[in-house]
C-alpha atoms as a PDB file:
ATOM      1  CA  MET A   1      -0.098   0.051   0.040  1.00  0.00           C
ATOM      2  CA  ARG A   2       2.695   2.426   0.966  1.00  0.00           C
ATOM      3  CA  ARG A   3       4.494   1.493  -2.443  1.00  0.00           C
ATOM      4  CA  SER A   4       1.646   2.417  -4.605  1.00  0.00           C
ATOM      5  CA  ARG A   5       1.178   5.834  -2.781  1.00  0.00           C
ATOM      6  CA  LYS A   6       4.925   6.395  -3.406  1.00  0.00           C
ATOM      7  CA  PHE A   7       4.665   5.925  -7.196  1.00  0.00           C
ATOM      8  CA  GLY A   8       1.511   8.121  -6.847  1.00  0.00           C
ATOM      9  CA  ASP A   9       3.332  10.966  -5.455  1.00  0.00           C
ATOM     10  CA  ALA A  10       5.953  10.298  -8.331  1.00  0.00           C
ATOM     11  CA  GLY A  11       3.267  10.639 -11.200  1.00  0.00           C
ATOM     12  CA  GLN A  12       1.946  14.104  -9.497  1.00  0.00           C
ATOM     13  CA  ALA A  13       5.315  15.710  -9.592  1.00  0.00           C
ATOM     14  CA  PHE A  14       6.000  14.794 -13.361  1.00  0.00           C
ATOM     15  CA  PRO A  15       3.436  17.453 -14.706  1.00  0.00           C
ATOM     16  CA  ILE A  16       4.924  20.128 -12.432  1.00  0.00           C
ATOM     17  CA  TYR A  17       8.223  19.283 -13.837  1.00  0.00           C
ATOM     18  CA  ILE A  18       7.167  19.373 -17.231  1.00  0.00           C
ATOM     19  CA  THR A  19       5.416  23.178 -16.729  1.00  0.00           C
ATOM     20  CA  VAL A  20       8.395  24.461 -15.063  1.00  0.00           C
ATOM     21  CA  VAL A  21      10.516  23.184 -17.719  1.00  0.00           C
ATOM     22  CA  GLY A  22       8.407  24.445 -20.425  1.00  0.00           C
ATOM     23  CA  GLY A  23       8.351  27.901 -18.727  1.00  0.00           C
ATOM     24  CA  LEU A  24      11.959  28.009 -18.406  1.00  0.00           C
ATOM     25  CA  LEU A  25      12.386  27.285 -22.197  1.00  0.00           C
ATOM     26  CA  PHE A  26       9.948  30.069 -22.975  1.00  0.00           C
ATOM     27  CA  LEU A  27      11.697  32.496 -20.499  1.00  0.00           C
ATOM     28  CA  ALA A  28      15.018  31.372 -22.567  1.00  0.00           C
ATOM     29  CA  PHE A  29      13.329  32.196 -26.045  1.00  0.00           C
ATOM     30  CA  ALA A  30      12.039  35.365 -24.795  1.00  0.00           C
ATOM     31  CA  TYR A  31      15.512  36.523 -23.544  1.00  0.00           C
ATOM     32  CA  PHE A  32      16.898  35.381 -26.812  1.00  0.00           C
ATOM     33  CA  ALA A  33      14.393  37.604 -28.702  1.00  0.00           C
ATOM     34  CA  VAL A  34      15.303  40.461 -26.594  1.00  0.00           C
ATOM     35  CA  GLY A  35      19.042  39.700 -27.230  1.00  0.00           C
ATOM     36  CA  GLN A  36      18.633  39.911 -30.869  1.00  0.00           C
ATOM     37  CA  ALA A  37      16.726  42.833 -30.564  1.00  0.00           C
ATOM     38  CA  ALA A  38      19.581  44.563 -28.579  1.00  0.00           C
ATOM     39  CA  VAL A  39      22.373  43.376 -30.997  1.00  0.00           C
ATOM     40  CA  ASN A  40      20.194  44.917 -33.968  1.00  0.00           C
ATOM     41  CA  ARG A  41      20.099  47.934 -32.162  1.00  0.00           C
ATOM     42  CA  ASN A  42      23.697  48.288 -31.444  1.00  0.00           C
ATOM     43  CA  GLY A  43      24.363  47.521 -35.169  1.00  0.00           C
ATOM     44  CA  ALA A  44      21.976  50.487 -36.180  1.00  0.00           C
ATOM     45  CA  GLN A  45      24.005  52.567 -33.633  1.00  0.00           C
ATOM     46  CA  THR A  46      27.232  51.772 -34.790  1.00  0.00           C
ATOM     47  CA  ALA A  47      26.148  52.467 -38.340  1.00  0.00           C
ATOM     48  CA  ALA A  48      24.755  56.020 -37.446  1.00  0.00           C
ATOM     49  CA  ASP A  49      27.860  56.841 -35.595  1.00  0.00           C
ATOM     50  CA  ALA A  50      29.863  55.685 -38.498  1.00  0.00           C
ATOM     51  CA  ALA A  51      27.845  57.501 -41.111  1.00  0.00           C
ATOM     52  CA  ALA A  52      27.818  60.885 -39.035  1.00  0.00           C
ATOM     53  CA  LEU A  53      31.553  60.910 -38.534  1.00  0.00           C
ATOM     54  CA  ALA A  54      32.170  60.087 -42.257  1.00  0.00           C
ATOM     55  CA  ALA A  55      30.297  63.286 -43.451  1.00  0.00           C
ATOM     56  CA  ALA A  56      31.896  65.309 -40.866  1.00  0.00           C
ATOM     57  CA  GLN A  57      35.358  64.087 -41.620  1.00  0.00           C
ATOM     58  CA  LYS A  58      34.894  64.878 -45.330  1.00  0.00           C
ATOM     59  CA  THR A  59      33.603  68.302 -44.426  1.00  0.00           C
ATOM     60  CA  ARG A  60      36.714  68.712 -42.178  1.00  0.00           C
ATOM     61  CA  ASP A  61      38.992  67.539 -44.977  1.00  0.00           C
ATOM     62  CA  GLN A  62      37.352  70.012 -47.287  1.00  0.00           C
ATOM     63  CA  LEU A  63      37.612  72.916 -45.026  1.00  0.00           C
ATOM     64  CA  ALA A  64      41.000  72.335 -44.387  1.00  0.00           C
ATOM     65  CA  GLY A  65      41.735  72.238 -48.133  1.00  0.00           C
ATOM     66  CA  MET A  66      39.878  75.558 -48.299  1.00  0.00           C
ATOM     67  CA  TRP A  67      41.934  77.045 -45.801  1.00  0.00           C
ATOM     68  CA  VAL A  68      45.243  75.892 -47.399  1.00  0.00           C
ATOM     69  CA  GLY A  69      43.925  77.232 -50.569  1.00  0.00           C
ATOM     70  CA  ASP A  70      43.451  80.643 -48.699  1.00  0.00           C
ATOM     71  CA  VAL A  71      46.330  80.518 -46.504  1.00  0.00           C
ATOM     72  CA  LEU A  72      47.735  83.952 -48.079  1.00  0.00           C
ATOM     73  CA  ASP A  73      44.515  85.660 -47.230  1.00  0.00           C
ATOM     74  CA  PRO A  74      43.816  85.461 -43.523  1.00  0.00           C
ATOM     75  CA  THR A  75      40.660  87.710 -43.918  1.00  0.00           C
ATOM     76  CA  LYS A  76      39.080  84.469 -45.147  1.00  0.00           C
ATOM     77  CA  TRP A  77      40.090  82.297 -42.369  1.00  0.00           C
ATOM     78  CA  GLN A  78      37.389  82.973 -39.907  1.00  0.00           C
ATOM     79  CA  ALA A  79      34.691  82.024 -42.528  1.00  0.00           C
ATOM     80  CA  ILE A  80      36.465  78.727 -43.094  1.00  0.00           C
ATOM     81  CA  PHE A  81      36.744  77.917 -39.303  1.00  0.00           C
ATOM     82  CA  ASP A  82      33.346  78.761 -39.086  1.00  0.00           C
ATOM     83  CA  GLY A  83      32.038  76.220 -41.588  1.00  0.00           C
ATOM     84  CA  GLN A  84      31.062  78.304 -44.643  1.00  0.00           C
ATOM     85  CA  GLY A  85      31.398  77.165 -48.110  1.00  0.00           C
ATOM     86  CA  ALA A  86      31.724  73.517 -47.361  1.00  0.00           C
ATOM     87  CA  ASP A  87      29.679  71.046 -49.450  1.00  0.00           C
ATOM     88  CA  ASN A  88      26.809  68.671 -48.365  1.00  0.00           C
ATOM     89  CA  PHE A  89      28.434  65.390 -47.772  1.00  0.00           C
ATOM     90  CA  CYS A  90      25.305  63.384 -46.701  1.00  0.00           C
ATOM     91  CA  TRP A  91      26.291  60.891 -49.656  1.00  0.00           C
ATOM     92  CA  ARG A  92      29.261  59.964 -47.501  1.00  0.00           C
ATOM     93  CA  ALA A  93      27.003  59.087 -44.666  1.00  0.00           C
ATOM     94  CA  ASP A  94      24.883  56.938 -46.986  1.00  0.00           C
ATOM     95  CA  GLU A  95      28.112  55.009 -47.927  1.00  0.00           C
ATOM     96  CA  LEU A  96      28.997  54.427 -44.362  1.00  0.00           C
ATOM     97  CA  ALA A  97      25.600  53.540 -43.342  1.00  0.00           C
ATOM     98  CA  GLY A  98      25.509  50.961 -46.159  1.00  0.00           C
ATOM     99  CA  GLN A  99      28.739  49.359 -45.138  1.00  0.00           C
ATOM    100  CA  ASN A 100      27.160  48.757 -41.729  1.00  0.00           C
ATOM    101  CA  ASP A 101      24.155  46.732 -43.056  1.00  0.00           C
ATOM    102  CA  ALA A 102      21.768  50.066 -42.710  1.00  0.00           C
ATOM    103  CA  HIS A 103      20.752  52.978 -44.849  1.00  0.00           C
ATOM    104  CA  SER A 104      20.304  56.605 -43.811  1.00  0.00           C
ATOM    105  CA  THR A 105      16.784  57.793 -43.425  1.00  0.00           C
ATOM    106  CA  ALA A 106      17.402  61.311 -42.722  1.00  0.00           C
ATOM    107  CA  CYS A 107      20.862  63.553 -42.996  1.00  0.00           C
ATOM    108  CA  ASN A 108      20.893  67.133 -41.613  1.00  0.00           C
ATOM    109  CA  PRO A 109      23.993  69.021 -42.284  1.00  0.00           C
ATOM    110  CA  GLY A 110      24.581  72.135 -40.218  1.00  0.00           C
ATOM    111  CA  LEU A 111      27.840  74.420 -40.851  1.00  0.00           C
ATOM    112  CA  LEU A 112      29.912  72.393 -38.463  1.00  0.00           C
ATOM    113  CA  ASP A 113      27.854  69.353 -37.747  1.00  0.00           C
ATOM    114  CA  TYR A 114      25.893  66.390 -39.206  1.00  0.00           C
ATOM    115  CA  ALA A 115      22.736  64.996 -37.833  1.00  0.00           C
ATOM    116  CA  VAL A 116      21.976  61.358 -39.096  1.00  0.00           C
ATOM    117  CA  GLU A 117      19.580  58.808 -38.784  1.00  0.00           C
ATOM    118  CA  VAL A 118      19.581  55.096 -39.865  1.00  0.00           C
ATOM    119  CA  GLN A 119      17.498  51.987 -40.185  1.00  0.00           C
ATOM    120  CA  THR A 120      19.011  48.633 -40.333  1.00  0.00           C
ATOM    121  CA  ASP A 121      18.457  46.588 -43.591  1.00  0.00           C
ATOM    122  CA  LYS A 122      17.847  43.416 -41.707  1.00  0.00           C
ATOM    123  CA  PRO A 123      14.642  42.909 -39.403  1.00  0.00           C
ATOM    124  CA  VAL A 124      15.227  41.547 -35.857  1.00  0.00           C
ATOM    125  CA  GLY A 125      14.142  38.087 -37.105  1.00  0.00           C
ATOM    126  CA  GLU A 126      11.343  35.671 -36.289  1.00  0.00           C
ATOM    127  CA  SER A 127      11.209  34.931 -32.522  1.00  0.00           C
ATOM    128  CA  LEU A 128       8.622  33.890 -29.892  1.00  0.00           C
ATOM    129  CA  VAL A 129       7.552  37.815 -29.452  1.00  0.00           C
ATOM    130  CA  PRO A 130       5.049  38.386 -32.549  1.00  0.00           C
ATOM    131  CA  GLY A 131       5.691  41.024 -35.224  1.00  0.00           C
ATOM    132  CA  THR A 132       9.435  40.998 -34.699  1.00  0.00           C
ATOM    133  CA  GLU A 133      10.210  39.621 -38.150  1.00  0.00           C
ATOM    134  CA  ASN A 134       9.164  42.945 -39.645  1.00  0.00           C
ATOM    135  CA  ARG A 135      10.761  45.143 -37.019  1.00  0.00           C
ATOM    136  CA  TYR A 136      13.995  46.941 -37.945  1.00  0.00           C
ATOM    137  CA  ALA A 137      16.148  48.831 -35.637  1.00  0.00           C
ATOM    138  CA  HIS A 138      16.535  52.677 -35.909  1.00  0.00           C
ATOM    139  CA  ALA A 139      19.344  54.694 -34.390  1.00  0.00           C
ATOM    140  CA  SER A 140      20.542  58.619 -34.704  1.00  0.00           C
ATOM    141  CA  ALA A 141      23.999  60.373 -34.183  1.00  0.00           C
ATOM    142  CA  THR A 142      25.220  63.744 -34.433  1.00  0.00           C
ATOM    143  CA  ALA A 143      28.976  64.352 -35.499  1.00  0.00           C
ATOM    144  CA  VAL A 144      30.385  68.052 -34.664  1.00  0.00           C
ATOM    145  CA  ILE A 145      33.248  69.649 -36.628  1.00  0.00           C
ATOM    146  CA  GLU A 146      35.328  71.665 -33.855  1.00  0.00           C
ATOM    147  CA  PRO A 147      37.543  74.303 -35.108  1.00  0.00           C
ATOM    148  CA  LEU A 148      40.923  74.158 -32.910  1.00  0.00           C
ATOM    149  CA  CYS A 149      42.621  77.271 -33.917  1.00  0.00           C
ATOM    150  CA  THR A 150      42.376  80.828 -33.087  1.00  0.00           C
ATOM    151  CA  PHE A 151      44.415  83.756 -34.660  1.00  0.00           C
ATOM    152  CA  THR A 152      44.520  87.644 -34.679  1.00  0.00           C
ATOM    153  CA  LEU A 153      44.563  89.413 -38.022  1.00  0.00           C
ATOM    154  CA  PRO A 154      47.795  91.631 -38.301  1.00  0.00           C
ATOM    155  CA  THR A 155      47.527  95.334 -37.935  1.00  0.00           C
ATOM    156  CA  GLN A 156      47.809  97.489 -41.002  1.00  0.00           C
ATOM    157  CA  GLY A 157      51.253  98.481 -40.048  1.00  0.00           C
ATOM    158  CA  ALA A 158      52.591  95.042 -40.304  1.00  0.00           C
ATOM    159  CA  GLY A 159      54.153  93.802 -43.455  1.00  0.00           C
ATOM    160  CA  ALA A 160      52.128  93.696 -46.489  1.00  0.00           C
ATOM    161  CA  ASN A 161      52.608  89.632 -46.591  1.00  0.00           C
ATOM    162  CA  ALA A 162      52.335  88.992 -42.863  1.00  0.00           C
ATOM    163  CA  LEU A 163      50.529  86.253 -41.967  1.00  0.00           C
ATOM    164  CA  PRO A 164      48.998  85.874 -38.398  1.00  0.00           C
ATOM    165  CA  GLN A 165      50.301  83.237 -35.789  1.00  0.00           C
ATOM    166  CA  LEU A 166      47.798  80.458 -35.727  1.00  0.00           C
ATOM    167  CA  THR A 167      47.388  78.827 -32.550  1.00  0.00           C
ATOM    168  CA  CYS A 168      45.847  75.117 -32.474  1.00  0.00           C
ATOM    169  CA  LYS A 169      45.313  73.796 -29.280  1.00  0.00           C
ATOM    170  CA  ASP A 170      48.627  73.802 -27.455  1.00  0.00           C
ATOM    171  CA  ARG A 171      50.707  74.262 -30.610  1.00  0.00           C
ATOM    172  CA  ASN A 172      51.589  77.765 -32.560  1.00  0.00           C
ATOM    173  CA  TRP A 173      52.139  77.919 -36.070  1.00  0.00           C
ATOM    174  CA  ASP A 174      54.284  80.669 -37.385  1.00  0.00           C
ATOM    175  CA  LEU A 175      53.413  80.884 -40.974  1.00  0.00           C
ATOM    176  CA  ASN A 176      56.070  82.193 -43.437  1.00  0.00           C
ATOM    177  CA  PRO A 177      54.319  83.230 -46.847  1.00  0.00           C
ATOM    178  CA  ASP A 178      57.543  82.515 -48.453  1.00  0.00           C
ATOM    179  CA  ASP A 179      57.740  78.873 -47.154  1.00  0.00           C
ATOM    180  CA  LEU A 180      54.433  77.252 -46.986  1.00  0.00           C
ATOM    181  CA  THR A 181      55.864  73.729 -46.860  1.00  0.00           C
ATOM    182  CA  ASN A 182      54.978  73.112 -43.179  1.00  0.00           C
ATOM    183  CA  LEU A 183      51.365  73.846 -42.630  1.00  0.00           C
ATOM    184  CA  PRO A 184      48.944  72.119 -40.212  1.00  0.00           C
ATOM    185  CA  GLY A 185      47.002  69.434 -41.464  1.00  0.00           C
ATOM    186  CA  PRO A 186      43.102  68.918 -41.116  1.00  0.00           C
ATOM    187  CA  GLN A 187      43.449  67.038 -37.659  1.00  0.00           C
ATOM    188  CA  ASP A 188      45.311  70.019 -36.536  1.00  0.00           C
ATOM    189  CA  LEU A 189      42.707  72.655 -37.650  1.00  0.00           C
ATOM    190  CA  PHE A 190      39.565  70.750 -36.797  1.00  0.00           C
ATOM    191  CA  ASP A 191      38.614  68.010 -34.455  1.00  0.00           C
ATOM    192  CA  VAL A 192      35.568  65.545 -35.446  1.00  0.00           C
ATOM    193  CA  HIS A 193      33.708  63.858 -32.692  1.00  0.00           C
ATOM    194  CA  LEU A 194      30.352  62.558 -31.784  1.00  0.00           C
ATOM    195  CA  ALA A 195      28.316  64.930 -29.956  1.00  0.00           C
ATOM    196  CA  ASP A 196      27.397  64.179 -26.314  1.00  0.00           C
END
């Protein structure tokens, strides 16, 4: 009699065991779906960061080239350091988004910044959470082009060809109009970084 009761208790525990294991499996799949979404979101953010930085770096390079072209006319320097005259390089943002399995959905260039929004090309994928197979991750980023240099225009009494000293971060550039072989590079003139 005791023996049959013992087997009866074991039979009652089996459905509870199956229910617990089923619940744990469901939770594991749900966590996997959340993990998939997080990975997709991180990929979108990486694509947005890369796209915004690429467009900003292209602008920085163009501004630096403009400065070199006008190095003998310091009256034009400030406009260049203010970002005036640069082209729109949103196409560069599109390229970098594409290299990161995404595409840009918006690109807003300012004089010294780019705000980019992207969407991943691949959806989150099928999971236990309904609707995820058609969900795409979105992200945005803003890259800033920060001028690093200051200068003071020479007075009228200075030599006709005198160029101002250019102070970029902690370095002073004494520019000689007769020898322009040692000029600051784009990274000396401008810093490119993501906005906080």
